[in-house]
N, C-alpha and C. Protein backbone atom coordinates (compact mmCIF):
# COMPACT_ATOMS: atom_id res chain seq x y z
N MET A 1 89.94 86.81 97.36
CA MET A 1 89.06 86.54 98.48
C MET A 1 89.62 87.27 99.69
N CYS A 2 88.74 87.94 100.42
CA CYS A 2 89.15 88.69 101.61
C CYS A 2 88.37 88.21 102.82
N VAL A 3 89.07 88.06 103.93
CA VAL A 3 88.44 87.84 105.22
C VAL A 3 88.61 89.15 105.98
N ASP A 4 87.51 89.83 106.20
CA ASP A 4 87.51 91.15 106.82
C ASP A 4 87.19 91.01 108.30
N CYS A 5 88.21 91.06 109.12
CA CYS A 5 88.02 90.85 110.56
C CYS A 5 87.61 92.12 111.29
N ALA A 6 87.99 93.28 110.77
CA ALA A 6 87.72 94.53 111.47
C ALA A 6 86.65 95.39 110.80
N GLY A 7 86.14 94.98 109.63
CA GLY A 7 85.12 95.75 108.94
C GLY A 7 85.66 96.83 108.02
N ASP A 8 86.98 96.97 107.94
CA ASP A 8 87.59 98.03 107.13
C ASP A 8 87.50 97.76 105.63
N ILE A 9 87.73 96.53 105.21
CA ILE A 9 87.73 96.20 103.78
C ILE A 9 86.34 96.41 103.20
N SER A 10 85.34 95.91 103.89
CA SER A 10 83.96 96.03 103.40
C SER A 10 83.57 97.48 103.22
N ARG A 11 83.89 98.32 104.20
CA ARG A 11 83.57 99.75 104.10
C ARG A 11 84.31 100.38 102.93
N GLY A 12 85.58 100.04 102.76
CA GLY A 12 86.39 100.61 101.67
C GLY A 12 85.87 100.21 100.31
N ILE A 13 85.54 98.93 100.12
CA ILE A 13 85.01 98.47 98.83
C ILE A 13 83.65 99.11 98.58
N SER A 14 82.79 99.14 99.60
CA SER A 14 81.46 99.74 99.44
C SER A 14 81.56 101.20 99.03
N SER A 15 82.43 101.95 99.69
CA SER A 15 82.54 103.37 99.34
C SER A 15 83.15 103.54 97.96
N SER A 16 84.05 102.64 97.55
CA SER A 16 84.63 102.70 96.20
C SER A 16 83.56 102.45 95.13
N ILE A 17 82.68 101.49 95.40
CA ILE A 17 81.61 101.18 94.45
C ILE A 17 80.63 102.35 94.37
N GLN A 18 80.26 102.89 95.53
CA GLN A 18 79.29 103.98 95.56
C GLN A 18 79.84 105.24 94.91
N SER A 19 81.17 105.48 95.03
CA SER A 19 81.74 106.69 94.45
C SER A 19 82.12 106.50 92.99
N LYS A 20 81.77 105.32 92.44
CA LYS A 20 82.06 105.01 91.03
C LYS A 20 83.55 105.20 90.73
N SER A 21 84.38 104.62 91.61
CA SER A 21 85.82 104.75 91.46
C SER A 21 86.33 104.02 90.23
N ASN A 22 87.62 104.00 90.08
CA ASN A 22 88.25 103.43 88.88
C ASN A 22 88.45 101.92 88.97
N ILE A 23 87.76 101.24 89.84
CA ILE A 23 87.91 99.79 89.93
C ILE A 23 87.06 99.15 88.84
N PRO A 24 87.69 98.47 87.88
CA PRO A 24 86.93 97.86 86.78
C PRO A 24 85.98 96.77 87.28
N GLU A 25 84.84 96.64 86.63
CA GLU A 25 83.86 95.63 87.02
C GLU A 25 84.43 94.22 86.94
N SER A 26 85.36 93.99 85.99
CA SER A 26 85.96 92.67 85.86
C SER A 26 86.73 92.28 87.12
N ILE A 27 87.24 93.27 87.85
CA ILE A 27 87.92 92.99 89.12
C ILE A 27 86.89 92.86 90.23
N LEU A 28 85.95 93.79 90.29
CA LEU A 28 84.95 93.77 91.36
C LEU A 28 84.16 92.47 91.41
N LYS A 29 83.83 91.90 90.25
CA LYS A 29 83.01 90.68 90.25
C LYS A 29 83.78 89.47 90.77
N ASN A 30 85.11 89.57 90.85
CA ASN A 30 85.92 88.46 91.36
C ASN A 30 86.34 88.64 92.81
N ILE A 31 85.88 89.69 93.47
CA ILE A 31 86.21 89.91 94.87
C ILE A 31 85.12 89.29 95.74
N ILE A 32 85.55 88.45 96.65
CA ILE A 32 84.63 87.82 97.61
C ILE A 32 85.09 88.27 98.99
N ILE A 33 84.18 88.83 99.76
CA ILE A 33 84.53 89.32 101.10
C ILE A 33 83.70 88.58 102.14
N PHE A 34 84.38 88.04 103.12
CA PHE A 34 83.73 87.42 104.28
C PHE A 34 84.04 88.30 105.49
N GLN A 35 83.06 88.52 106.34
CA GLN A 35 83.29 89.25 107.58
C GLN A 35 83.20 88.29 108.75
N THR A 36 84.08 88.50 109.73
CA THR A 36 84.01 87.73 110.96
C THR A 36 83.67 88.69 112.10
N HIS A 37 82.97 88.17 113.10
CA HIS A 37 82.52 89.02 114.20
C HIS A 37 83.17 88.67 115.53
N ASN A 38 83.86 87.54 115.57
CA ASN A 38 84.59 87.16 116.78
C ASN A 38 85.64 86.11 116.41
N PHE A 39 86.43 85.72 117.38
CA PHE A 39 87.54 84.81 117.13
C PHE A 39 87.05 83.42 116.70
N SER A 40 85.93 82.98 117.24
CA SER A 40 85.38 81.68 116.85
C SER A 40 84.93 81.69 115.39
N ASP A 41 84.27 82.77 114.95
CA ASP A 41 83.89 82.91 113.52
C ASP A 41 85.13 82.83 112.64
N GLN A 42 86.16 83.55 113.03
CA GLN A 42 87.40 83.57 112.25
C GLN A 42 88.00 82.18 112.14
N CYS A 43 88.04 81.45 113.25
CA CYS A 43 88.60 80.09 113.25
C CYS A 43 87.83 79.19 112.30
N ARG A 44 86.49 79.20 112.40
CA ARG A 44 85.66 78.36 111.54
C ARG A 44 85.83 78.73 110.07
N LEU A 45 85.85 80.02 109.78
CA LEU A 45 85.96 80.47 108.40
C LEU A 45 87.29 80.06 107.77
N ILE A 46 88.37 80.22 108.49
CA ILE A 46 89.68 79.85 107.94
C ILE A 46 89.75 78.35 107.70
N VAL A 47 89.25 77.56 108.63
CA VAL A 47 89.23 76.10 108.43
C VAL A 47 88.39 75.76 107.19
N ASN A 48 87.22 76.39 107.04
CA ASN A 48 86.37 76.12 105.87
C ASN A 48 87.05 76.54 104.57
N ILE A 49 87.71 77.67 104.56
CA ILE A 49 88.39 78.13 103.34
C ILE A 49 89.47 77.15 102.93
N VAL A 50 90.32 76.77 103.86
CA VAL A 50 91.47 75.93 103.48
C VAL A 50 91.08 74.48 103.22
N THR A 51 89.97 74.01 103.77
CA THR A 51 89.60 72.61 103.55
C THR A 51 88.60 72.44 102.41
N ARG A 52 87.83 73.48 102.10
CA ARG A 52 86.76 73.31 101.11
C ARG A 52 86.92 74.14 99.85
N LEU A 53 87.78 75.14 99.87
CA LEU A 53 87.82 76.05 98.73
C LEU A 53 89.13 75.98 97.95
N SER A 54 89.61 74.79 97.71
CA SER A 54 90.82 74.68 96.90
C SER A 54 90.49 74.72 95.41
N SER A 55 89.22 74.56 95.07
CA SER A 55 88.81 74.66 93.68
C SER A 55 87.45 75.36 93.64
N PRO A 56 87.23 76.38 92.86
CA PRO A 56 88.18 76.93 91.91
C PRO A 56 89.34 77.61 92.65
N LYS A 57 90.41 77.77 91.93
CA LYS A 57 91.63 78.29 92.53
C LYS A 57 91.41 79.70 93.08
N ILE A 58 91.87 79.90 94.29
CA ILE A 58 91.89 81.23 94.88
C ILE A 58 93.26 81.82 94.57
N ASP A 59 93.27 82.90 93.82
CA ASP A 59 94.54 83.53 93.45
C ASP A 59 95.19 84.17 94.66
N THR A 60 94.43 84.98 95.39
CA THR A 60 94.95 85.70 96.55
C THR A 60 93.92 85.65 97.67
N LEU A 61 94.38 85.32 98.85
CA LEU A 61 93.56 85.32 100.05
C LEU A 61 94.14 86.36 100.99
N VAL A 62 93.32 87.34 101.38
CA VAL A 62 93.75 88.40 102.29
C VAL A 62 92.97 88.25 103.58
N ILE A 63 93.67 88.24 104.70
CA ILE A 63 93.02 88.21 106.01
C ILE A 63 93.50 89.46 106.75
N ASP A 64 92.55 90.37 106.99
CA ASP A 64 92.90 91.69 107.50
C ASP A 64 92.06 92.09 108.69
N PRO A 65 92.66 92.32 109.82
CA PRO A 65 93.89 91.76 110.34
C PRO A 65 93.60 90.46 111.09
N ILE A 66 94.45 89.50 110.93
CA ILE A 66 94.23 88.18 111.54
C ILE A 66 94.27 88.26 113.07
N THR A 67 94.90 89.28 113.60
CA THR A 67 95.03 89.38 115.06
C THR A 67 93.97 90.27 115.70
N TYR A 68 93.01 90.78 114.93
CA TYR A 68 91.98 91.67 115.48
C TYR A 68 91.17 90.98 116.59
N HIS A 69 90.54 89.87 116.25
CA HIS A 69 89.71 89.16 117.24
C HIS A 69 90.58 88.44 118.27
N TYR A 70 91.76 88.02 117.86
CA TYR A 70 92.70 87.35 118.77
C TYR A 70 93.03 88.27 119.95
N ARG A 71 93.32 89.53 119.64
CA ARG A 71 93.68 90.47 120.70
C ARG A 71 92.53 90.67 121.68
N VAL A 72 91.32 90.77 121.16
CA VAL A 72 90.14 90.91 122.03
C VAL A 72 89.97 89.64 122.86
N ALA A 73 90.11 88.47 122.22
CA ALA A 73 89.93 87.21 122.94
C ALA A 73 91.00 87.01 124.02
N MET A 74 92.18 87.55 123.79
CA MET A 74 93.27 87.40 124.77
C MET A 74 93.00 88.18 126.04
N SER A 75 92.13 89.17 126.00
CA SER A 75 91.83 89.95 127.20
C SER A 75 90.97 89.15 128.18
N GLY A 76 90.35 88.08 127.69
CA GLY A 76 89.55 87.22 128.56
C GLY A 76 90.36 86.03 129.04
N CYS A 77 89.66 85.01 129.45
CA CYS A 77 90.34 83.81 129.92
C CYS A 77 90.66 82.90 128.74
N GLY A 78 91.51 81.92 128.99
CA GLY A 78 91.83 80.94 127.96
C GLY A 78 92.87 81.40 126.96
N SER A 79 93.84 82.18 127.41
CA SER A 79 94.82 82.73 126.46
C SER A 79 95.68 81.66 125.81
N ILE A 80 95.95 80.57 126.50
CA ILE A 80 96.75 79.50 125.90
C ILE A 80 95.99 78.87 124.74
N GLU A 81 94.69 78.65 124.94
CA GLU A 81 93.87 78.08 123.87
C GLU A 81 93.79 79.01 122.67
N ARG A 82 93.67 80.32 122.91
CA ARG A 82 93.59 81.30 121.82
C ARG A 82 94.91 81.33 121.04
N THR A 83 96.02 81.30 121.76
CA THR A 83 97.33 81.30 121.11
C THR A 83 97.50 80.04 120.28
N HIS A 84 97.09 78.91 120.83
CA HIS A 84 97.16 77.64 120.09
C HIS A 84 96.31 77.72 118.82
N GLU A 85 95.12 78.31 118.92
CA GLU A 85 94.23 78.39 117.76
C GLU A 85 94.77 79.32 116.69
N LEU A 86 95.35 80.47 117.08
CA LEU A 86 95.96 81.36 116.09
C LEU A 86 97.13 80.67 115.40
N ASN A 87 97.93 79.95 116.17
CA ASN A 87 99.04 79.18 115.62
C ASN A 87 98.53 78.15 114.62
N ASN A 88 97.45 77.48 114.95
CA ASN A 88 96.82 76.50 114.06
C ASN A 88 96.34 77.16 112.77
N GLN A 89 95.69 78.33 112.88
CA GLN A 89 95.20 79.05 111.70
C GLN A 89 96.36 79.41 110.77
N MET A 90 97.44 79.93 111.34
CA MET A 90 98.60 80.30 110.52
C MET A 90 99.21 79.07 109.85
N GLY A 91 99.25 77.96 110.57
CA GLY A 91 99.78 76.73 109.98
C GLY A 91 98.91 76.24 108.83
N LEU A 92 97.59 76.29 109.00
CA LEU A 92 96.67 75.90 107.93
C LEU A 92 96.84 76.79 106.70
N LEU A 93 97.00 78.09 106.93
CA LEU A 93 97.17 79.03 105.82
C LEU A 93 98.49 78.79 105.09
N LYS A 94 99.53 78.45 105.82
CA LYS A 94 100.83 78.16 105.19
C LYS A 94 100.73 76.92 104.29
N VAL A 95 100.10 75.86 104.80
CA VAL A 95 99.92 74.64 104.00
C VAL A 95 99.03 74.93 102.80
N PHE A 96 97.95 75.68 103.00
CA PHE A 96 97.05 76.06 101.92
C PHE A 96 97.81 76.79 100.82
N ALA A 97 98.62 77.77 101.18
CA ALA A 97 99.39 78.54 100.19
C ALA A 97 100.35 77.63 99.43
N ARG A 98 101.00 76.75 100.14
CA ARG A 98 101.98 75.86 99.50
C ARG A 98 101.30 74.87 98.56
N GLU A 99 100.19 74.29 98.99
CA GLU A 99 99.53 73.25 98.19
C GLU A 99 98.75 73.81 97.01
N THR A 100 98.19 75.00 97.14
CA THR A 100 97.35 75.56 96.07
C THR A 100 98.10 76.61 95.23
N HIS A 101 99.29 76.97 95.64
CA HIS A 101 100.07 78.02 94.98
C HIS A 101 99.33 79.35 94.98
N SER A 102 98.54 79.56 96.04
CA SER A 102 97.82 80.82 96.21
C SER A 102 98.68 81.78 97.05
N ARG A 103 98.47 83.06 96.83
CA ARG A 103 99.12 84.05 97.69
C ARG A 103 98.23 84.23 98.91
N VAL A 104 98.84 84.21 100.08
CA VAL A 104 98.12 84.48 101.32
C VAL A 104 98.76 85.70 101.96
N ILE A 105 97.97 86.75 102.12
CA ILE A 105 98.45 87.98 102.73
C ILE A 105 97.71 88.16 104.04
N VAL A 106 98.47 88.24 105.11
CA VAL A 106 97.91 88.36 106.44
C VAL A 106 98.41 89.67 107.04
N THR A 107 97.51 90.48 107.54
CA THR A 107 97.93 91.69 108.25
C THR A 107 97.74 91.48 109.74
N SER A 108 98.39 92.33 110.51
CA SER A 108 98.30 92.24 111.96
C SER A 108 98.18 93.64 112.54
N LEU A 109 97.86 93.70 113.81
CA LEU A 109 97.77 94.97 114.51
C LEU A 109 99.13 95.33 115.09
N LEU A 110 99.41 96.61 115.11
CA LEU A 110 100.58 97.13 115.83
C LEU A 110 100.06 97.80 117.09
N THR A 111 100.71 97.52 118.20
CA THR A 111 100.36 98.19 119.43
C THR A 111 101.57 98.98 119.92
N SER A 112 101.32 100.01 120.67
CA SER A 112 102.39 100.87 121.17
C SER A 112 102.57 100.64 122.66
N ASP A 113 103.82 100.48 123.08
CA ASP A 113 104.14 100.36 124.49
C ASP A 113 104.00 101.75 125.11
N PRO A 114 103.12 101.90 126.12
CA PRO A 114 102.87 103.24 126.67
C PRO A 114 104.11 103.87 127.31
N GLU A 115 105.01 103.05 127.83
CA GLU A 115 106.19 103.60 128.49
C GLU A 115 107.29 104.00 127.52
N SER A 116 107.60 103.09 126.58
CA SER A 116 108.71 103.36 125.65
C SER A 116 108.26 103.99 124.34
N GLY A 117 106.99 103.83 124.00
CA GLY A 117 106.50 104.33 122.73
C GLY A 117 106.83 103.43 121.56
N LYS A 118 107.52 102.31 121.82
CA LYS A 118 107.89 101.38 120.74
C LYS A 118 106.66 100.63 120.25
N LEU A 119 106.66 100.35 118.95
CA LEU A 119 105.58 99.59 118.34
C LEU A 119 105.87 98.10 118.40
N HIS A 120 104.84 97.33 118.68
CA HIS A 120 104.96 95.87 118.75
C HIS A 120 103.89 95.23 117.86
N LEU A 121 104.28 94.21 117.14
CA LEU A 121 103.36 93.45 116.32
C LEU A 121 102.61 92.47 117.23
N THR A 122 101.29 92.48 117.17
CA THR A 122 100.49 91.55 117.97
C THR A 122 100.77 90.13 117.49
N ALA A 123 101.05 89.23 118.43
CA ALA A 123 101.36 87.82 118.15
C ALA A 123 102.59 87.69 117.24
N SER A 124 103.59 88.49 117.49
CA SER A 124 104.76 88.57 116.61
C SER A 124 105.49 87.24 116.45
N ASN A 125 105.62 86.46 117.50
CA ASN A 125 106.34 85.18 117.38
C ASN A 125 105.59 84.20 116.48
N ILE A 126 104.28 84.14 116.61
CA ILE A 126 103.49 83.23 115.77
C ILE A 126 103.58 83.67 114.31
N LEU A 127 103.39 84.95 114.06
CA LEU A 127 103.42 85.45 112.68
C LEU A 127 104.81 85.28 112.07
N ALA A 128 105.84 85.56 112.83
CA ALA A 128 107.22 85.43 112.31
C ALA A 128 107.54 83.97 111.98
N PHE A 129 107.06 83.04 112.80
CA PHE A 129 107.35 81.63 112.57
C PHE A 129 106.73 81.13 111.27
N TRP A 130 105.47 81.47 111.02
CA TRP A 130 104.75 80.92 109.87
C TRP A 130 104.90 81.73 108.59
N SER A 131 105.37 82.96 108.68
CA SER A 131 105.43 83.83 107.50
C SER A 131 106.76 83.69 106.75
N ASP A 132 106.68 83.81 105.43
CA ASP A 132 107.89 83.86 104.62
C ASP A 132 108.44 85.28 104.56
N VAL A 133 107.54 86.27 104.55
CA VAL A 133 107.93 87.67 104.46
C VAL A 133 107.18 88.44 105.54
N LEU A 134 107.90 89.30 106.26
CA LEU A 134 107.28 90.20 107.23
C LEU A 134 107.64 91.63 106.84
N VAL A 135 106.62 92.47 106.67
CA VAL A 135 106.84 93.88 106.35
C VAL A 135 106.01 94.70 107.33
N ALA A 136 106.63 95.67 107.96
CA ALA A 136 105.92 96.58 108.86
C ALA A 136 105.79 97.93 108.17
N PHE A 137 104.56 98.44 108.09
CA PHE A 137 104.30 99.75 107.52
C PHE A 137 104.07 100.72 108.65
N VAL A 138 104.94 101.73 108.74
CA VAL A 138 104.84 102.74 109.78
C VAL A 138 104.97 104.10 109.10
N GLY A 139 103.88 104.86 109.10
CA GLY A 139 103.91 106.16 108.44
C GLY A 139 104.21 106.01 106.96
N GLU A 140 105.24 106.70 106.50
CA GLU A 140 105.63 106.66 105.09
C GLU A 140 106.67 105.58 104.80
N ASN A 141 107.00 104.79 105.80
CA ASN A 141 108.07 103.81 105.66
C ASN A 141 107.55 102.38 105.73
N ALA A 142 108.26 101.51 105.02
CA ALA A 142 108.02 100.07 105.11
C ALA A 142 109.33 99.44 105.55
N TYR A 143 109.26 98.58 106.54
CA TYR A 143 110.45 97.90 107.05
C TYR A 143 110.33 96.42 106.71
N VAL A 144 111.24 95.91 105.91
CA VAL A 144 111.27 94.49 105.60
C VAL A 144 111.99 93.83 106.77
N LEU A 145 111.25 93.08 107.57
CA LEU A 145 111.80 92.45 108.77
C LEU A 145 112.26 91.03 108.52
N LYS A 146 111.62 90.38 107.56
CA LYS A 146 111.96 88.99 107.25
C LYS A 146 111.67 88.76 105.78
N HIS A 147 112.64 88.19 105.09
CA HIS A 147 112.49 87.89 103.67
C HIS A 147 113.46 86.76 103.34
N PRO A 148 113.06 85.81 102.49
CA PRO A 148 113.96 84.68 102.20
C PRO A 148 115.23 85.09 101.45
N TYR A 149 115.22 86.22 100.75
CA TYR A 149 116.38 86.60 99.93
C TYR A 149 116.98 87.96 100.28
N LEU A 150 116.20 88.83 100.90
CA LEU A 150 116.66 90.19 101.17
C LEU A 150 117.08 90.36 102.62
N PRO A 151 118.06 91.23 102.87
CA PRO A 151 118.39 91.56 104.26
C PRO A 151 117.30 92.48 104.82
N LYS A 152 117.34 92.72 106.12
CA LYS A 152 116.42 93.69 106.71
C LYS A 152 116.70 95.04 106.07
N LEU A 153 115.63 95.75 105.70
CA LEU A 153 115.84 97.06 105.10
C LEU A 153 114.64 97.96 105.31
N LYS A 154 114.86 99.25 105.08
CA LYS A 154 113.82 100.25 105.23
C LYS A 154 113.56 100.86 103.86
N LEU A 155 112.28 100.97 103.50
CA LEU A 155 111.88 101.59 102.24
C LEU A 155 111.03 102.82 102.57
N ASN A 156 111.25 103.90 101.86
CA ASN A 156 110.47 105.11 102.09
C ASN A 156 109.57 105.35 100.89
N PHE A 157 108.27 105.48 101.15
CA PHE A 157 107.30 105.68 100.08
C PHE A 157 106.97 107.15 99.87
N GLY A 158 107.29 107.99 100.83
CA GLY A 158 106.93 109.41 100.72
C GLY A 158 105.43 109.57 100.77
N LYS A 159 104.97 110.73 100.56
CA LYS A 159 103.53 111.00 100.57
C LYS A 159 102.92 110.52 99.27
N THR A 160 101.87 109.70 99.39
CA THR A 160 101.22 109.16 98.19
C THR A 160 99.99 109.95 97.82
N ILE A 161 99.35 110.58 98.77
CA ILE A 161 98.14 111.37 98.46
C ILE A 161 98.21 112.68 99.21
């Protein structure tokens, strides 16, 4: 099950289906994609998923990116309420994963500091608190920032295509 906050997953799956890619039908028929159009939609959808969809079992839940609408909402008023709501969503997802033994994969946006050029994870403190594993993908590299068993490390994937 995918929650598509930015519209990227839906476009990718649609183009894969139209191009008759190598995705087997047995996999495609089990993919469910929900799109959200604002932070309120995202909040309602996550609450509905974790409270109503524990059966049949969801093997993997992907929310990509959970901070897309949050970042837009933060530009307006009510930033404390938005931060509280994102924190609540992450907490619900953590409990859902633990109780249902489902994998929950959450992506976030990276922003660049215009002065230093350093990359920052949007809502990094909230995501770090609720996540078991944090991995940052930058170019050809993956940086394991948090893991229950591994130290911080850098992995290089090289060019894949």
